[in-house]
Amino acid sequence: MSLPEDKKEPSNVKERVKRKFTIKVKDVQLREQLSKLIRYITLAGCLIAMLVQLKQCFQKLTVPPVTTHTRFHVNDSLWYPALTLCREPPFRKEVLTKYGLAASPRYTSHWRNFPWNEATIEQMYTEATYPANEILLLYGLNGEERKFYMKIQWFTPIFLLGINNLDIQLESAFYFESGMCHTLLPKATTTEAGVDVGYSILVTHSGDQGDNQPSGWHLYVHEPSENWTEHKMQSLGRQEALYVEVGEEIHVRIAVQEFHHMNTGQTRYCVDNVDGGEVRCAERCRWEQKAVDNCVAPWMPGVDLPECDNDNDTIRLIISYLKFDQCTGDCCGCKPSCRFVRYDALPVTRKPFPEPMSQIYVYFTARLVTLMEEKSAYDLSTFIAELGGSLGFLLGLSVLGLLSFFEKCVDLVIMKIPKKSIDTSSP
């Protein structure tokens, strides 16, 4: 079988040399075409990768990532936390029985026995709870003059004598399950640490006590700018809770952690100053959502609605109040504070004290503050560095290369501009 003509070896030497040279030229051209194709594909891939990196860089420049720095800071002055005291048991049993209620107002079925024509809910809460003068005997802060109540019994009335403390502000409020709670707010800072300049509170447990239940006080330590609330989900992470029994002296050591948030790169928006606190804003919003038939109760202050005056509305209001609420401050439009302070309370000493009183000491042991700050982890200099790194690594460009490229572009533009003929004739 004979070979094709193109496969046959030429007999002439000149033709054989010419054929081999032609094959080599075709091979070189094919290699050059493949090299160009590979270069174009590589250049296109590098351009795509560079554009993706540039997009990410611009996104990080507009919404930069946030990093948290933790450091210890020695404060020249210390703000003490607010202390909220709630008595246990919170209600006078005989008064609740007088109004046809059970041991706690949360038993809704007993509200049908309430004498609506003779009394109001606020009147019942005023009689059934314990005011400050029946709980607080003495309290003070910063080693200054302390306020005390001294009972002098002459014949039948009881006179209350008091001395005001300028470093503490006392506020009392009704709460649904906790009765009347009393909050001590600091009005001045201290430059020292120790038990001598901290809170000193002497309380007494007058009146009836719980049946087969420990009697004492719930002590809540929280930020002064945030109101205390008995709604556990809203107060979660913002307060420390302790229990003080009757006939006990307790020393509580506190430490402070301060957080500073920033708006840049965050999904939420914070503000520098929050009027009344984020907790109070969310609580008021929750009360407005839970108001039934345009009526409220004494434990829901700040809502401009009348008090409920019948058992059906009150029962529905209580059920709605006790029901777990998924709404937080975000859906109410409550802006969180950019500054958040948390106080850690640790009981270090518990020892007996003459009943029915108890002594509470709350103080700092050092002026050391743990400060956590959010800072931007991406700025303009980082953007320029990443931009230069992407251009240099993927495209091999440098500042000199870019200048040379721009100069060639300018030269091409100048060459494209038509030259005007110059009239050299004499006038």
Protein backbone atom coordinates (compact mmCIF):
# COMPACT_ATOMS: atom_id res chain seq x y z
CA MET A 1 0.00 0.00 0.00
CA SER A 2 1.53 3.32 -1.06
CA LEU A 3 1.72 6.44 1.19
CA PRO A 4 -0.05 9.70 0.29
CA GLU A 5 1.91 12.30 -1.57
CA ASP A 6 2.13 14.68 1.40
CA LYS A 7 3.46 11.91 3.61
CA LYS A 8 6.12 10.78 1.25
CA GLU A 9 9.65 11.85 1.93
CA PRO A 10 10.82 14.18 -0.85
CA SER A 11 13.67 12.87 -2.86
CA ASN A 12 15.21 16.28 -3.40
CA VAL A 13 17.35 17.61 -0.53
CA LYS A 14 16.23 21.20 -1.12
CA GLU A 15 12.62 20.25 -0.87
CA ARG A 16 13.23 18.28 2.30
CA VAL A 17 14.91 21.27 3.94
CA LYS A 18 12.14 23.61 2.80
CA ARG A 19 9.50 21.31 4.18
CA LYS A 20 11.19 21.02 7.59
CA PHE A 21 11.57 24.81 7.78
CA THR A 22 7.87 25.29 6.95
CA ILE A 23 6.88 22.86 9.70
CA LYS A 24 9.04 24.71 12.24
CA VAL A 25 7.55 28.06 11.24
CA LYS A 26 4.03 26.69 11.69
CA ASP A 27 5.00 25.28 15.08
CA VAL A 28 6.38 28.68 16.18
CA GLN A 29 3.25 30.48 15.01
CA LEU A 30 1.05 27.97 16.85
CA ARG A 31 3.11 28.41 20.01
CA GLU A 32 2.83 32.20 19.72
CA GLN A 33 -0.93 31.98 19.26
CA LEU A 34 -1.27 29.68 22.26
CA SER A 35 0.98 31.96 24.33
CA LYS A 36 -1.14 34.99 23.42
CA LEU A 37 -4.31 33.10 24.26
CA ILE A 38 -2.90 32.08 27.65
CA ARG A 39 -1.79 35.66 28.30
CA TYR A 40 -5.21 37.04 27.42
CA ILE A 41 -6.94 34.47 29.63
CA THR A 42 -4.55 35.19 32.50
CA LEU A 43 -4.97 38.95 32.05
CA ALA A 44 -8.76 38.59 31.99
CA GLY A 45 -8.67 36.46 35.13
CA CYS A 46 -6.40 38.95 36.89
CA LEU A 47 -8.68 41.84 35.88
CA ILE A 48 -11.72 40.00 37.20
CA ALA A 49 -9.94 39.15 40.45
CA MET A 50 -8.75 42.76 40.78
CA LEU A 51 -12.27 44.12 40.22
CA VAL A 52 -13.65 41.74 42.84
CA GLN A 53 -10.97 42.79 45.32
CA LEU A 54 -11.56 46.46 44.52
CA LYS A 55 -15.28 46.00 45.17
CA GLN A 56 -14.55 44.37 48.52
CA CYS A 57 -12.11 47.15 49.39
CA PHE A 58 -14.67 49.85 48.61
CA GLN A 59 -17.31 47.99 50.65
CA LYS A 60 -14.95 47.78 53.62
CA LEU A 61 -14.14 51.47 53.19
CA THR A 62 -17.81 52.49 53.31
CA VAL A 63 -18.81 49.94 55.98
CA PRO A 64 -15.55 49.08 57.73
CA PRO A 65 -15.22 46.05 60.00
CA VAL A 66 -15.09 46.70 63.73
CA THR A 67 -12.55 45.38 66.18
CA THR A 68 -12.74 45.46 69.97
CA HIS A 69 -9.88 46.65 72.15
CA THR A 70 -9.80 45.81 75.85
CA ARG A 71 -7.72 47.76 78.30
CA PHE A 72 -7.62 48.57 81.98
CA HIS A 73 -8.11 52.15 83.07
CA VAL A 74 -7.59 53.73 86.48
CA ASN A 75 -10.35 56.29 86.98
CA ASP A 76 -9.76 59.46 88.94
CA SER A 77 -13.40 59.32 90.07
CA LEU A 78 -15.92 56.49 90.29
CA TRP A 79 -19.64 56.49 89.64
CA TYR A 80 -21.38 54.07 91.96
CA PRO A 81 -24.23 51.96 90.58
CA ALA A 82 -27.89 52.39 91.43
CA LEU A 83 -29.31 49.97 94.02
CA THR A 84 -32.92 48.78 93.91
CA LEU A 85 -34.41 47.11 97.00
CA CYS A 86 -37.56 45.00 96.83
CA ARG A 87 -39.03 43.46 99.97
CA GLU A 88 -39.83 39.76 100.23
CA PRO A 89 -42.70 39.09 100.71
CA PRO A 90 -43.73 42.23 98.80
CA PHE A 91 -47.37 42.54 99.96
CA ARG A 92 -49.24 42.69 103.25
CA LYS A 93 -51.26 39.51 103.38
CA GLU A 94 -54.08 40.99 105.47
CA VAL A 95 -54.57 43.87 103.01
CA LEU A 96 -54.78 41.53 100.02
CA THR A 97 -57.34 39.47 101.93
CA LYS A 98 -59.27 42.64 102.70
CA TYR A 99 -59.60 43.36 98.98
CA GLY A 100 -60.54 39.77 98.14
CA LEU A 101 -57.22 38.85 96.55
CA ALA A 102 -54.88 35.92 97.03
CA ALA A 103 -51.29 35.98 98.29
CA SER A 104 -50.16 37.51 94.98
CA PRO A 105 -51.95 39.74 92.43
CA ARG A 106 -50.94 37.35 89.65
CA TYR A 107 -53.81 35.00 90.58
CA THR A 108 -56.25 36.55 88.15
CA SER A 109 -59.38 34.66 89.21
CA HIS A 110 -59.42 36.47 92.59
CA TRP A 111 -59.72 39.87 90.91
CA ARG A 112 -63.41 39.15 90.43
CA ASN A 113 -63.77 39.62 94.19
CA PHE A 114 -62.20 43.08 94.13
CA PRO A 115 -64.57 45.85 95.41
CA TRP A 116 -64.42 48.06 92.31
CA ASN A 117 -67.09 50.44 93.58
CA GLU A 118 -65.19 51.15 96.81
CA ALA A 119 -61.49 51.22 95.88
CA THR A 120 -59.01 51.43 93.02
CA ILE A 121 -55.98 49.33 92.13
CA GLU A 122 -53.62 52.15 93.10
CA GLN A 123 -55.30 52.47 96.49
CA MET A 124 -54.90 48.74 97.07
CA TYR A 125 -51.21 48.81 96.07
CA THR A 126 -50.58 51.79 98.35
CA GLU A 127 -52.02 49.94 101.34
CA ALA A 128 -50.60 46.51 100.56
CA THR A 129 -46.98 47.48 99.87
CA TYR A 130 -44.22 48.85 102.10
CA PRO A 131 -43.07 52.46 101.70
CA ALA A 132 -39.47 53.57 102.19
CA ASN A 133 -39.95 54.71 105.78
CA GLU A 134 -40.93 51.15 106.80
CA ILE A 135 -37.88 49.57 105.17
CA LEU A 136 -34.96 51.98 105.15
CA LEU A 137 -33.64 52.97 108.57
CA LEU A 138 -30.37 54.48 107.41
CA TYR A 139 -28.52 54.83 104.13
CA GLY A 140 -25.53 56.79 102.92
CA LEU A 141 -22.81 57.04 100.29
CA ASN A 142 -19.30 58.45 100.06
CA GLY A 143 -18.93 58.69 103.81
CA GLU A 144 -21.21 61.71 104.00
CA GLU A 145 -24.13 62.37 106.33
CA ARG A 146 -26.63 59.57 106.01
CA LYS A 147 -30.35 59.73 105.93
CA PHE A 148 -32.14 57.88 108.67
CA TYR A 149 -35.61 57.48 110.07
CA MET A 150 -35.95 57.44 113.85
CA LYS A 151 -39.25 56.30 115.30
CA ILE A 152 -40.41 58.03 118.48
CA GLN A 153 -43.68 56.75 119.85
CA TRP A 154 -45.67 59.28 121.86
CA PHE A 155 -49.08 58.07 122.83
CA THR A 156 -50.56 56.80 119.52
CA PRO A 157 -48.93 58.51 116.50
CA ILE A 158 -45.50 57.62 115.13
CA PHE A 159 -43.36 60.57 114.07
CA LEU A 160 -40.68 60.17 111.43
CA LEU A 161 -37.56 62.28 111.63
CA GLY A 162 -35.08 62.41 108.75
CA ILE A 163 -31.87 64.00 107.56
CA ASN A 164 -31.36 64.36 103.80
CA ASN A 165 -28.27 62.99 102.13
CA LEU A 166 -27.09 65.11 99.21
CA ASP A 167 -25.19 62.21 97.59
CA ILE A 168 -28.21 59.91 97.17
CA GLN A 169 -31.57 60.35 95.52
CA LEU A 170 -34.36 58.01 96.62
CA GLU A 171 -37.04 56.97 94.14
CA SER A 172 -39.90 54.54 94.77
CA ALA A 173 -42.23 52.91 92.26
CA PHE A 174 -44.89 50.20 92.04
CA TYR A 175 -44.18 46.88 90.32
CA PHE A 176 -46.72 44.19 89.55
CA GLU A 177 -45.13 41.23 91.35
CA SER A 178 -42.46 43.01 93.41
CA GLY A 179 -44.77 45.49 95.13
CA MET A 180 -43.12 48.82 95.93
CA CYS A 181 -39.38 48.88 95.24
CA HIS A 182 -36.98 51.63 96.24
CA THR A 183 -34.02 52.77 94.15
CA LEU A 184 -30.98 54.60 95.52
CA LEU A 185 -29.39 56.75 92.82
CA PRO A 186 -25.88 58.21 93.31
CA LYS A 187 -25.64 61.96 92.72
CA ALA A 188 -21.88 62.39 93.15
CA THR A 189 -18.68 60.53 92.34
CA THR A 190 -16.01 59.34 94.74
CA THR A 191 -12.26 59.45 94.36
CA GLU A 192 -11.55 56.62 96.78
CA ALA A 193 -12.35 52.94 97.06
CA GLY A 194 -13.26 50.94 100.15
CA VAL A 195 -16.09 50.18 102.49
CA ASP A 196 -15.88 53.58 104.18
CA VAL A 197 -16.89 55.48 101.02
CA GLY A 198 -19.35 52.98 99.56
CA TYR A 199 -23.04 52.38 100.15
CA SER A 200 -24.10 51.70 103.72
CA ILE A 201 -27.75 50.65 104.06
CA LEU A 202 -29.58 49.60 107.22
CA VAL A 203 -32.96 48.00 106.55
CA THR A 204 -35.65 46.54 108.78
CA HIS A 205 -38.28 43.91 108.07
CA SER A 206 -41.31 45.26 109.89
CA GLY A 207 -44.80 43.89 109.47
CA ASP A 208 -45.85 40.36 108.52
CA GLN A 209 -43.37 37.88 107.11
CA GLY A 210 -43.80 35.06 104.65
CA ASP A 211 -45.30 31.75 105.72
CA ASN A 212 -42.60 29.08 105.45
CA GLN A 213 -40.69 31.38 103.10
CA PRO A 214 -37.38 33.19 103.64
CA SER A 215 -37.91 36.84 104.48
CA GLY A 216 -35.54 39.49 103.28
CA TRP A 217 -34.82 41.80 100.40
CA HIS A 218 -33.97 41.44 96.73
CA LEU A 219 -31.03 43.71 95.93
CA TYR A 220 -30.46 44.69 92.29
CA VAL A 221 -27.28 46.44 91.15
CA HIS A 222 -27.65 48.28 87.84
CA GLU A 223 -26.51 51.31 85.88
CA PRO A 224 -27.90 54.60 87.24
CA SER A 225 -29.02 55.75 83.79
CA GLU A 226 -31.12 52.61 83.27
CA ASN A 227 -34.30 52.01 85.22
CA TRP A 228 -34.77 48.69 86.93
CA THR A 229 -37.51 46.48 85.53
CA GLU A 230 -38.94 43.17 86.68
CA HIS A 231 -39.23 42.04 83.07
CA LYS A 232 -36.34 39.58 82.97
CA MET A 233 -35.74 39.61 79.21
CA GLN A 234 -35.30 43.38 79.07
CA SER A 235 -33.05 43.54 82.12
CA LEU A 236 -30.97 40.53 81.07
CA GLY A 237 -27.26 41.36 81.17
CA ARG A 238 -27.87 44.81 82.65
CA GLN A 239 -28.15 44.02 86.35
CA GLU A 240 -26.82 41.86 89.14
CA ALA A 241 -29.29 40.29 91.57
CA LEU A 242 -28.56 39.39 95.19
CA TYR A 243 -30.72 38.23 98.08
CA VAL A 244 -30.26 39.55 101.61
CA GLU A 245 -31.93 37.64 104.45
CA VAL A 246 -33.26 39.14 107.66
CA GLY A 247 -30.59 39.26 110.39
CA GLU A 248 -27.65 39.31 108.01
CA GLU A 249 -24.73 41.64 107.40
CA ILE A 250 -23.45 41.43 103.84
CA HIS A 251 -20.44 43.01 102.17
CA VAL A 252 -20.71 43.25 98.37
CA ARG A 253 -17.66 44.03 96.27
CA ILE A 254 -18.41 45.61 92.90
CA ALA A 255 -16.35 45.94 89.74
CA VAL A 256 -17.25 47.92 86.66
CA GLN A 257 -16.98 47.11 82.97
CA GLU A 258 -17.52 49.88 80.45
CA PHE A 259 -18.35 49.28 76.78
CA HIS A 260 -18.16 51.87 74.01
CA HIS A 261 -19.99 51.00 70.80
CA MET A 262 -19.64 52.73 67.45
CA ASN A 263 -22.16 53.16 64.66
CA THR A 264 -19.78 52.54 61.76
CA GLY A 265 -20.15 49.05 60.39
CA GLN A 266 -22.93 48.13 62.80
CA THR A 267 -26.36 46.78 61.95
CA ARG A 268 -27.90 48.85 64.76
CA TYR A 269 -27.69 52.56 65.40
CA CYS A 270 -26.70 53.83 68.82
CA VAL A 271 -26.87 57.33 70.30
CA ASP A 272 -24.64 59.06 72.81
CA ASN A 273 -27.38 60.10 75.22
CA VAL A 274 -30.54 58.10 75.87
CA ASP A 275 -33.30 59.93 77.70
CA GLY A 276 -34.46 57.65 80.51
CA GLY A 277 -32.47 54.69 79.22
CA GLU A 278 -33.06 52.01 76.63
CA VAL A 279 -34.74 49.73 79.18
CA ARG A 280 -37.27 52.38 80.20
CA CYS A 281 -38.05 53.20 76.55
CA ALA A 282 -38.64 49.54 75.70
CA GLU A 283 -40.67 49.06 78.90
CA ARG A 284 -42.96 51.99 78.13
CA CYS A 285 -43.43 50.73 74.58
CA ARG A 286 -44.27 47.30 75.95
CA TRP A 287 -46.85 48.83 78.30
CA GLU A 288 -48.49 50.73 75.47
CA GLN A 289 -48.71 47.53 73.42
CA LYS A 290 -50.16 45.59 76.35
CA ALA A 291 -52.76 48.20 77.30
CA VAL A 292 -56.20 46.62 77.08
CA ASP A 293 -59.30 48.66 76.16
CA ASN A 294 -57.38 51.90 76.76
CA CYS A 295 -56.67 51.30 80.45
CA VAL A 296 -53.53 50.61 82.48
CA ALA A 297 -52.46 49.80 86.06
CA PRO A 298 -50.27 51.57 88.69
CA TRP A 299 -47.26 49.44 87.79
CA MET A 300 -47.32 50.91 84.25
CA PRO A 301 -46.38 54.58 84.75
CA GLY A 302 -45.77 57.02 81.95
CA VAL A 303 -48.70 55.83 79.82
CA ASP A 304 -51.36 58.50 79.44
CA LEU A 305 -54.36 56.22 79.91
CA PRO A 306 -56.89 55.83 82.75
CA GLU A 307 -56.65 53.04 85.29
CA CYS A 308 -58.66 49.85 84.72
CA ASP A 309 -61.85 49.86 86.83
CA ASN A 310 -63.36 46.41 86.28
CA ASP A 311 -62.29 42.81 86.67
CA ASN A 312 -62.52 41.82 82.98
CA ASP A 313 -60.15 44.53 81.76
CA THR A 314 -57.78 44.00 84.70
CA ILE A 315 -57.58 40.24 84.16
CA ARG A 316 -56.91 40.69 80.47
CA LEU A 317 -54.28 43.32 81.24
CA ILE A 318 -52.50 41.03 83.74
CA ILE A 319 -52.53 38.08 81.35
CA SER A 320 -51.15 40.28 78.60
CA TYR A 321 -48.54 41.72 80.96
CA LEU A 322 -47.31 38.32 82.11
CA LYS A 323 -47.20 36.91 78.60
CA PHE A 324 -43.75 36.69 77.11
CA ASP A 325 -43.18 39.62 74.78
CA GLN A 326 -40.99 39.17 71.73
CA CYS A 327 -40.85 42.89 71.04
CA THR A 328 -37.66 44.59 72.13
CA GLY A 329 -36.43 48.14 71.87
CA ASP A 330 -35.69 47.82 68.14
CA CYS A 331 -39.31 47.44 67.08
CA CYS A 332 -40.27 50.32 69.36
CA GLY A 333 -37.78 52.70 67.83
CA CYS A 334 -35.70 52.84 71.02
CA LYS A 335 -32.12 53.72 70.20
CA PRO A 336 -29.51 51.94 72.31
CA SER A 337 -26.83 53.92 74.04
CA CYS A 338 -23.31 53.93 72.60
CA ARG A 339 -22.00 53.70 76.16
CA PHE A 340 -22.93 50.68 78.24
CA VAL A 341 -21.80 50.12 81.83
CA ARG A 342 -22.15 46.84 83.67
CA TYR A 343 -21.51 46.37 87.38
CA ASP A 344 -20.41 42.97 88.68
CA ALA A 345 -21.46 42.38 92.30
CA LEU A 346 -19.78 39.69 94.38
CA PRO A 347 -20.73 39.00 98.03
CA VAL A 348 -17.49 38.61 99.97
CA THR A 349 -18.80 38.43 103.55
CA ARG A 350 -22.07 37.25 105.13
CA LYS A 351 -22.42 37.21 108.91
CA PRO A 352 -25.23 37.44 111.50
CA PHE A 353 -26.85 40.75 112.39
CA PRO A 354 -29.51 41.60 115.03
CA GLU A 355 -32.99 40.78 113.72
CA PRO A 356 -35.28 42.07 112.27
CA MET A 357 -32.65 44.32 110.66
CA SER A 358 -29.95 43.76 108.07
CA GLN A 359 -26.85 45.73 107.13
CA ILE A 360 -25.74 46.07 103.50
CA TYR A 361 -22.36 47.40 102.36
CA VAL A 362 -21.70 47.89 98.65
CA TYR A 363 -18.33 49.32 97.61
CA PHE A 364 -15.45 49.31 95.16
CA THR A 365 -12.19 47.68 96.20
CA ALA A 366 -10.14 49.43 93.49
CA ARG A 367 -10.43 52.28 91.02
CA LEU A 368 -9.62 49.93 88.15
CA VAL A 369 -12.12 49.89 85.27
CA THR A 370 -12.22 47.35 82.44
CA LEU A 371 -12.77 49.40 79.29
CA MET A 372 -13.84 47.76 76.01
CA GLU A 373 -13.90 49.99 72.95
CA GLU A 374 -15.01 49.31 69.41
CA LYS A 375 -12.75 50.80 66.74
CA SER A 376 -12.73 50.76 62.98
CA ALA A 377 -10.44 48.06 61.62
CA TYR A 378 -10.23 49.60 58.13
CA ASP A 379 -9.28 53.12 57.08
CA LEU A 380 -8.03 55.02 54.02
CA SER A 381 -4.39 54.01 54.47
CA THR A 382 -5.36 50.34 54.65
CA PHE A 383 -7.49 50.81 51.54
CA ILE A 384 -4.56 52.32 49.60
CA ALA A 385 -2.25 49.52 50.78
CA GLU A 386 -4.68 46.81 49.64
CA LEU A 387 -5.31 48.63 46.37
CA GLY A 388 -1.59 48.87 45.64
CA GLY A 389 -1.05 45.25 46.61
CA SER A 390 -3.82 44.05 44.28
CA LEU A 391 -2.56 46.10 41.34
CA GLY A 392 1.06 45.09 41.90
CA PHE A 393 0.38 41.38 42.44
CA LEU A 394 -2.25 40.78 39.77
CA LEU A 395 -1.25 43.26 37.05
CA GLY A 396 2.36 44.00 37.90
CA LEU A 397 1.70 47.72 38.05
CA SER A 398 3.67 50.22 40.06
CA VAL A 399 3.61 53.97 40.50
CA LEU A 400 6.31 54.43 37.85
CA GLY A 401 4.50 52.06 35.53
CA LEU A 402 1.27 54.00 35.95
CA LEU A 403 3.06 57.28 35.25
CA SER A 404 4.59 55.82 32.09
CA PHE A 405 1.19 54.54 31.00
CA PHE A 406 -0.41 57.95 31.51
CA GLU A 407 2.42 59.66 29.60
CA LYS A 408 1.90 57.34 26.62
CA CYS A 409 -1.83 58.05 26.72
CA VAL A 410 -1.11 61.80 26.66
CA ASP A 411 1.28 61.35 23.74
CA LEU A 412 -1.35 59.41 21.78
CA VAL A 413 -3.92 62.11 22.41
CA ILE A 414 -1.49 64.82 21.26
CA MET A 415 -0.65 62.86 18.11
CA LYS A 416 -4.34 62.58 17.23
CA ILE A 417 -4.83 66.35 17.40
CA PRO A 418 -4.52 67.81 13.84
CA LYS A 419 -1.73 70.32 13.51
CA LYS A 420 -2.72 73.78 12.27
CA SER A 421 -0.75 75.16 9.35
CA ILE A 422 1.44 78.03 10.35
CA ASP A 423 1.33 81.04 8.03
CA THR A 424 4.87 82.22 7.71
CA SER A 425 4.13 84.86 5.05
CA SER A 426 5.12 88.34 5.91
CA PRO A 427 2.36 90.89 6.56
